[in-house]
Amino acid sequence: MIDPLTSLIIGFSVILLLVIIFYPGKGLVARFKKNKANTYRVLIEDSLKHLYNCEYNGINCTLNSIAGSLSISADEAAKVAAKLEELGLVVSNENGLSLTPDGRAYALKVIRIHRLWEKYLADETSIGEEDWHHSAEEIEHQMTLAEADKLAAQIGNPVFDPHGDPIPTAKGDLPGKKGKSLDSMKIGEFAKIIHIEDEPHYIYSQLVAEGLYPGMQVQLIESTKERIKFLANGEEVVLAPLFAKNITVAPIKDERKIEGTFKKLSSLKPGEKGKVLGISRRCRGQQRRRLMDLGVVPGTEIEVELESIGGDPIAYRIKGATIALRKSQAENIYIESEE
């Protein structure tokens, strides 16, 4: 026979377990339903973003393209598309799927949050640029429009994100697409990078590794089916055509605006001096402000004092003070050498 205390403990344990499972709003069942609903909402919003990107780039959107973009099955893509139609966010036509005005407004809201957050990460934090997109993919489904507007005001209502994409206004206005892909340039033509596509991640990470960024000047020197060779700020870069398609450029027609070649601070050896011409646009936010606080501004003379045993960091003489900089930082400082 079970004693009363044991019965009480068992009964209390059963009640506690039922509460944990079925408690309204916070129990395991409620959380499961909430997570399932949130996951489905993410699919809806990601599908709208994909539809808008197709529309913006003049590409037909189909169930297969949605499935490929969201990494889901064709059946799941069909269910999502049916739900979008039911909500009045898309319509079907002979070319595939198209956004309705309400669907376009919804998509622009998600895109606005995504690009504002990337801009915030780029300018206000030390998070690496390969992580901006992934972080924005998460926050875009959590932040409200009111919070996005507050963030925009905090960072100065930017017009472009760090990849060169225009940021939709609070009213949903967005300028049309400009520029052309780098692989469509003519031999000898000069241009400026205005956008680097951040998807797929594999290609974007390779472009980042090459040191490419919006604002960089390029000149095409070779274009074949196998490779695209160009000068980027005076340095030779070779890409596969598939990779070059992810870079959008704007031709430079006024040759007076074309900058000549210049050296990087990292190229100087101990005892050599140089005068700062500027800081690369790739160096942003806190890192850029720190360099400027250290006196790295146009016209400042910098001398290499000493290399560490491993060659990194390196000690520089800047305005009478000895400052240690990593090679990755010195790579972003353009100088005019004494020579």
Protein backbone atom coordinates (compact mmCIF):
# COMPACT_ATOMS: atom_id res chain seq x y z
CA MET A 1 0.00 0.00 0.00
CA ILE A 2 1.31 3.41 -1.00
CA ASP A 3 1.71 5.76 1.91
CA PRO A 4 -0.08 9.17 1.80
CA LEU A 5 3.16 11.16 1.38
CA THR A 6 4.21 9.16 -1.68
CA SER A 7 0.72 9.53 -3.17
CA LEU A 8 0.86 13.26 -2.58
CA ILE A 9 4.27 13.55 -4.27
CA ILE A 10 3.12 11.48 -7.26
CA GLY A 11 -0.08 13.50 -7.61
CA PHE A 12 1.82 16.79 -7.34
CA SER A 13 4.34 15.59 -9.95
CA VAL A 14 1.54 14.63 -12.38
CA ILE A 15 -0.14 18.02 -11.94
CA LEU A 16 3.18 19.82 -12.43
CA LEU A 17 3.89 17.82 -15.59
CA LEU A 18 0.43 18.65 -16.99
CA VAL A 19 0.97 22.33 -16.21
CA ILE A 20 4.35 22.29 -17.99
CA ILE A 21 2.79 20.69 -21.05
CA PHE A 22 -0.57 22.44 -21.30
CA TYR A 23 -0.17 25.80 -19.48
CA PRO A 24 -1.91 28.47 -21.64
CA GLY A 25 0.52 30.63 -23.56
CA LYS A 26 3.70 29.24 -21.95
CA GLY A 27 3.33 25.46 -21.89
CA LEU A 28 5.16 23.10 -24.24
CA VAL A 29 2.10 22.70 -26.48
CA ALA A 30 1.62 26.48 -26.70
CA ARG A 31 5.31 27.01 -27.45
CA PHE A 32 5.26 24.31 -30.12
CA LYS A 33 2.27 25.95 -31.81
CA LYS A 34 3.90 29.38 -31.55
CA ASN A 35 7.20 28.16 -33.00
CA LYS A 36 5.36 26.41 -35.82
CA ALA A 37 3.40 29.60 -36.59
CA ASN A 38 6.58 31.71 -36.47
CA THR A 39 8.36 29.28 -38.79
CA TYR A 40 5.50 29.46 -41.27
CA ARG A 41 5.47 33.28 -41.06
CA VAL A 42 9.19 33.29 -41.84
CA LEU A 43 8.49 31.19 -44.96
CA ILE A 44 5.76 33.63 -45.99
CA GLU A 45 8.02 36.67 -45.55
CA ASP A 46 11.02 35.04 -47.22
CA SER A 47 8.80 34.09 -50.17
CA LEU A 48 7.63 37.70 -50.50
CA LYS A 49 11.25 38.89 -50.47
CA HIS A 50 12.10 36.40 -53.20
CA LEU A 51 9.12 37.51 -55.28
CA TYR A 52 10.12 41.15 -54.92
CA ASN A 53 13.75 40.44 -55.87
CA CYS A 54 12.54 38.60 -58.98
CA GLU A 55 10.30 41.53 -59.87
CA TYR A 56 13.10 44.07 -59.21
CA ASN A 57 15.50 42.16 -61.45
CA GLY A 58 12.94 41.45 -64.18
CA ILE A 59 12.90 37.67 -63.59
CA ASN A 60 9.84 35.41 -63.61
CA CYS A 61 9.08 33.86 -60.22
CA THR A 62 7.87 30.24 -60.13
CA LEU A 63 7.21 27.58 -57.51
CA ASN A 64 10.58 26.03 -58.35
CA SER A 65 12.40 29.31 -57.82
CA ILE A 66 10.69 29.75 -54.44
CA ALA A 67 11.60 26.18 -53.46
CA GLY A 68 15.22 26.73 -54.47
CA SER A 69 15.50 30.10 -52.75
CA LEU A 70 13.99 28.90 -49.47
CA SER A 71 15.53 25.39 -49.59
CA ILE A 72 12.15 23.69 -49.26
CA SER A 73 10.35 21.02 -51.27
CA ALA A 74 8.16 21.83 -54.28
CA ASP A 75 5.10 20.67 -52.30
CA GLU A 76 5.92 23.03 -49.43
CA ALA A 77 6.48 25.88 -51.92
CA ALA A 78 3.06 25.16 -53.43
CA LYS A 79 1.45 25.36 -49.97
CA VAL A 80 3.18 28.67 -49.25
CA ALA A 81 2.11 30.09 -52.64
CA ALA A 82 -1.48 29.00 -52.02
CA LYS A 83 -1.45 30.74 -48.64
CA LEU A 84 -0.02 33.91 -50.22
CA GLU A 85 -2.85 33.88 -52.78
CA GLU A 86 -5.41 33.30 -50.05
CA LEU A 87 -4.04 36.34 -48.16
CA GLY A 88 -4.23 38.46 -51.30
CA LEU A 89 -0.45 39.00 -51.43
CA VAL A 90 0.22 37.32 -54.79
CA VAL A 91 -1.63 36.40 -57.97
CA SER A 92 -0.94 33.61 -60.45
CA ASN A 93 -0.44 34.30 -64.14
CA GLU A 94 0.98 32.61 -67.22
CA ASN A 95 4.52 33.65 -66.23
CA GLY A 96 4.31 32.38 -62.67
CA LEU A 97 3.54 34.44 -59.57
CA SER A 98 3.32 38.21 -59.15
CA LEU A 99 2.99 40.45 -56.11
CA THR A 100 -0.17 42.40 -55.45
CA PRO A 101 0.18 45.98 -54.08
CA ASP A 102 -0.34 44.62 -50.56
CA GLY A 103 2.24 41.89 -51.15
CA ARG A 104 4.75 44.41 -52.48
CA ALA A 105 4.25 46.67 -49.46
CA TYR A 106 4.74 43.74 -47.10
CA ALA A 107 7.91 42.65 -48.92
CA LEU A 108 9.35 46.18 -48.80
CA LYS A 109 8.72 46.33 -45.06
CA VAL A 110 10.81 43.17 -44.52
CA ILE A 111 13.52 44.41 -46.91
CA ARG A 112 13.65 47.80 -45.15
CA ILE A 113 14.28 46.16 -41.77
CA HIS A 114 16.88 43.80 -43.25
CA ARG A 115 18.92 46.54 -44.95
CA LEU A 116 18.68 48.97 -42.03
CA TRP A 117 20.00 46.30 -39.70
CA GLU A 118 22.89 45.52 -42.05
CA LYS A 119 23.74 49.23 -42.17
CA TYR A 120 23.62 49.40 -38.38
CA LEU A 121 25.93 46.38 -38.02
CA ALA A 122 28.37 47.79 -40.58
CA ASP A 123 28.62 51.29 -39.13
CA GLU A 124 27.98 50.87 -35.43
CA THR A 125 29.46 47.48 -34.51
CA SER A 126 32.62 45.49 -35.08
CA ILE A 127 30.77 42.46 -36.51
CA GLY A 128 32.48 41.10 -39.64
CA GLU A 129 30.81 41.79 -42.96
CA GLU A 130 30.31 38.09 -43.71
CA ASP A 131 27.95 37.95 -40.72
CA TRP A 132 25.81 41.04 -41.53
CA HIS A 133 23.42 39.21 -43.83
CA HIS A 134 22.82 36.22 -41.55
CA SER A 135 22.10 38.47 -38.56
CA ALA A 136 19.72 40.61 -40.64
CA GLU A 137 17.93 37.46 -41.86
CA GLU A 138 16.99 36.76 -38.24
CA ILE A 139 16.13 40.28 -37.07
CA GLU A 140 13.92 41.08 -40.08
CA HIS A 141 11.28 38.67 -38.77
CA GLN A 142 11.35 40.08 -35.24
CA MET A 143 11.59 43.86 -35.53
CA THR A 144 8.47 46.00 -35.93
CA LEU A 145 8.20 48.90 -38.38
CA ALA A 146 8.13 51.35 -35.46
CA GLU A 147 11.40 49.89 -34.17
CA ALA A 148 12.85 50.06 -37.69
CA ASP A 149 11.93 53.73 -38.02
CA LYS A 150 13.57 54.43 -34.66
CA LEU A 151 16.73 52.61 -35.79
CA ALA A 152 16.75 54.54 -39.08
CA ALA A 153 16.62 57.86 -37.20
CA GLN A 154 19.38 56.68 -34.87
CA ILE A 155 21.80 55.98 -37.75
CA GLY A 156 20.89 59.03 -39.84
CA ASN A 157 18.17 57.67 -42.16
CA PRO A 158 20.62 56.01 -44.59
CA VAL A 159 19.71 55.61 -48.25
CA PHE A 160 21.88 52.58 -49.04
CA ASP A 161 22.94 49.49 -47.11
CA PRO A 162 26.64 48.48 -46.92
CA HIS A 163 26.29 46.26 -50.00
CA GLY A 164 25.06 49.19 -52.11
CA ASP A 165 21.37 48.16 -52.09
CA PRO A 166 18.87 51.02 -51.73
CA ILE A 167 16.92 51.02 -48.46
CA PRO A 168 13.14 51.39 -48.89
CA THR A 169 11.73 54.50 -47.23
CA ALA A 170 9.14 54.33 -44.47
CA LYS A 171 6.52 54.93 -47.19
CA GLY A 172 7.80 52.00 -49.25
CA ASP A 173 9.54 54.02 -51.99
CA LEU A 174 12.52 52.44 -53.68
CA PRO A 175 14.51 53.70 -56.70
CA GLY A 176 14.77 51.56 -59.81
CA LYS A 177 17.72 49.32 -60.50
CA LYS A 178 20.84 51.03 -61.86
CA GLY A 179 24.18 49.91 -63.24
CA LYS A 180 25.25 46.71 -65.00
CA SER A 181 27.08 43.55 -64.05
CA LEU A 182 30.88 43.65 -64.06
CA ASP A 183 31.11 40.86 -66.65
CA SER A 184 29.25 43.04 -69.19
CA MET A 185 31.91 45.78 -69.16
CA LYS A 186 34.01 46.49 -72.25
CA ILE A 187 37.77 45.97 -72.30
CA GLY A 188 39.50 49.10 -70.97
CA GLU A 189 36.30 50.56 -69.52
CA PHE A 190 36.40 52.25 -66.10
CA ALA A 191 33.60 51.90 -63.57
CA LYS A 192 32.77 52.07 -59.88
CA ILE A 193 31.33 49.16 -57.89
CA ILE A 194 27.89 50.20 -56.63
CA HIS A 195 26.56 46.87 -55.37
CA ILE A 196 27.81 43.44 -54.32
CA GLU A 197 25.13 40.75 -54.03
CA ASP A 198 25.30 39.02 -50.65
CA GLU A 199 23.61 35.80 -51.76
CA PRO A 200 24.58 33.03 -52.17
CA HIS A 201 26.89 33.23 -49.17
CA TYR A 202 29.64 31.14 -50.81
CA ILE A 203 30.09 33.60 -53.67
CA TYR A 204 29.77 36.65 -51.41
CA SER A 205 32.44 35.35 -49.02
CA GLN A 206 34.82 34.90 -51.97
CA LEU A 207 34.21 38.46 -53.15
CA VAL A 208 34.83 39.75 -49.62
CA ALA A 209 38.05 37.72 -49.48
CA GLU A 210 39.19 39.52 -52.65
CA GLY A 211 38.80 42.82 -50.79
CA LEU A 212 36.02 44.13 -53.06
CA TYR A 213 33.47 46.64 -51.75
CA PRO A 214 31.00 49.30 -53.02
CA GLY A 215 32.79 52.52 -54.01
CA MET A 216 35.84 50.73 -55.40
CA GLN A 217 37.02 51.76 -58.86
CA VAL A 218 37.66 49.05 -61.44
CA GLN A 219 38.97 48.77 -65.00
CA LEU A 220 38.30 45.68 -67.12
CA ILE A 221 41.40 44.27 -68.78
CA GLU A 222 40.27 40.79 -69.91
CA SER A 223 36.94 39.02 -70.43
CA THR A 224 36.60 35.39 -71.57
CA LYS A 225 34.25 32.49 -70.88
CA GLU A 226 36.73 31.21 -68.32
CA ARG A 227 37.66 34.35 -66.39
CA ILE A 228 37.14 38.07 -65.85
CA LYS A 229 40.32 40.03 -65.11
CA PHE A 230 40.18 43.62 -63.88
CA LEU A 231 42.06 46.21 -61.87
CA ALA A 232 40.47 47.16 -58.53
CA ASN A 233 42.04 50.29 -57.04
CA GLY A 234 45.13 49.48 -59.07
CA GLU A 235 45.40 45.80 -58.04
CA GLU A 236 44.72 42.90 -60.41
CA VAL A 237 41.77 40.62 -59.58
CA VAL A 238 40.63 37.50 -61.45
CA LEU A 239 37.11 36.08 -61.04
CA ALA A 240 35.00 33.41 -62.69
CA PRO A 241 32.19 34.98 -64.80
CA LEU A 242 29.60 33.51 -62.41
CA PHE A 243 31.17 35.46 -59.54
CA ALA A 244 31.54 38.65 -61.60
CA LYS A 245 27.78 38.63 -62.30
CA ASN A 246 27.19 39.32 -58.58
CA ILE A 247 28.99 42.67 -58.84
CA THR A 248 27.09 45.69 -60.18
CA VAL A 249 29.07 48.66 -61.52
CA ALA A 250 28.34 52.15 -62.80
CA PRO A 251 30.56 53.33 -65.70
CA ILE A 252 32.78 56.35 -65.04
CA LYS A 253 32.45 58.65 -68.04
CA ASP A 254 34.38 61.64 -66.71
CA GLU A 255 38.02 60.54 -66.76
CA ARG A 256 38.95 63.33 -64.37
CA LYS A 257 37.14 61.37 -61.65
CA ILE A 258 39.26 58.28 -62.20
CA GLU A 259 41.75 57.87 -59.38
CA GLY A 260 45.29 56.79 -60.09
CA THR A 261 47.07 53.90 -58.42
CA PHE A 262 48.25 54.34 -54.85
CA LYS A 263 50.09 52.41 -52.20
CA LYS A 264 48.77 50.88 -49.01
CA LEU A 265 50.35 51.57 -45.65
CA SER A 266 50.99 47.84 -45.29
CA SER A 267 53.43 47.99 -48.23
CA LEU A 268 55.95 50.21 -46.37
CA LYS A 269 59.02 48.76 -44.68
CA PRO A 270 60.62 49.86 -41.38
CA GLY A 271 62.12 53.34 -41.74
CA GLU A 272 59.92 54.29 -44.71
CA LYS A 273 57.41 57.13 -44.55
CA GLY A 274 54.21 58.05 -46.31
CA LYS A 275 51.47 60.66 -46.29
CA VAL A 276 47.85 59.56 -45.78
CA LEU A 277 45.61 59.99 -48.82
CA GLY A 278 42.53 58.41 -47.27
CA ILE A 279 40.92 55.38 -45.66
CA SER A 280 39.29 52.67 -47.75
CA ARG A 281 35.49 52.67 -47.80
CA ARG A 282 35.71 49.07 -46.78
CA CYS A 283 36.82 50.22 -43.32
CA ARG A 284 33.61 51.29 -41.59
CA GLY A 285 32.04 52.20 -38.27
CA GLN A 286 34.05 51.82 -35.09
CA GLN A 287 37.22 50.73 -36.90
CA ARG A 288 37.16 53.79 -39.15
CA ARG A 289 36.49 56.15 -36.24
CA ARG A 290 39.34 54.59 -34.23
CA LEU A 291 41.84 55.17 -37.06
CA MET A 292 40.72 58.77 -37.41
CA ASP A 293 40.98 59.28 -33.63
CA LEU A 294 44.55 58.02 -33.85
CA GLY A 295 45.30 60.77 -36.38
CA VAL A 296 44.95 58.77 -39.60
CA VAL A 297 43.49 61.57 -41.71
CA PRO A 298 44.48 62.95 -45.14
CA GLY A 299 47.82 64.76 -44.99
CA THR A 300 49.15 62.99 -41.88
CA GLU A 301 52.68 61.62 -42.18
CA ILE A 302 53.18 58.04 -40.99
CA GLU A 303 56.51 56.27 -40.48
CA VAL A 304 57.04 52.55 -39.99
CA GLU A 305 59.02 52.14 -36.76
CA LEU A 306 59.14 48.46 -35.95
CA GLU A 307 57.80 45.08 -37.01
CA SER A 308 56.88 42.51 -34.39
CA ILE A 309 58.61 39.13 -34.44
CA GLY A 310 55.69 37.58 -36.31
CA GLY A 311 55.34 40.58 -38.61
CA ASP A 312 51.89 41.51 -37.25
CA PRO A 313 51.13 43.97 -35.67
CA ILE A 314 53.48 46.72 -36.83
CA ALA A 315 54.43 49.87 -34.89
CA TYR A 316 53.89 53.17 -36.70
CA ARG A 317 54.84 56.73 -35.75
CA ILE A 318 51.73 58.91 -36.08
CA LYS A 319 51.79 62.54 -34.91
CA GLY A 320 54.57 61.89 -32.40
CA ALA A 321 52.98 58.77 -30.91
CA THR A 322 53.84 55.11 -31.52
CA ILE A 323 50.72 53.18 -32.57
CA ALA A 324 50.44 49.43 -33.22
CA LEU A 325 48.24 48.48 -36.18
CA ARG A 326 47.33 45.09 -37.58
CA LYS A 327 48.13 44.42 -41.22
CA SER A 328 44.39 44.13 -41.88
CA GLN A 329 44.04 47.73 -40.65
CA ALA A 330 47.07 49.01 -42.56
CA GLU A 331 45.61 47.44 -45.72
CA ASN A 332 42.75 49.96 -45.48
CA ILE A 333 44.99 53.06 -45.34
CA TYR A 334 46.05 54.58 -48.66
CA ILE A 335 49.24 56.59 -48.71
CA GLU A 336 51.54 58.56 -50.96
CA SER A 337 55.07 57.35 -50.24
CA GLU A 338 58.06 59.68 -49.90
CA GLU A 339 59.36 58.40 -53.22
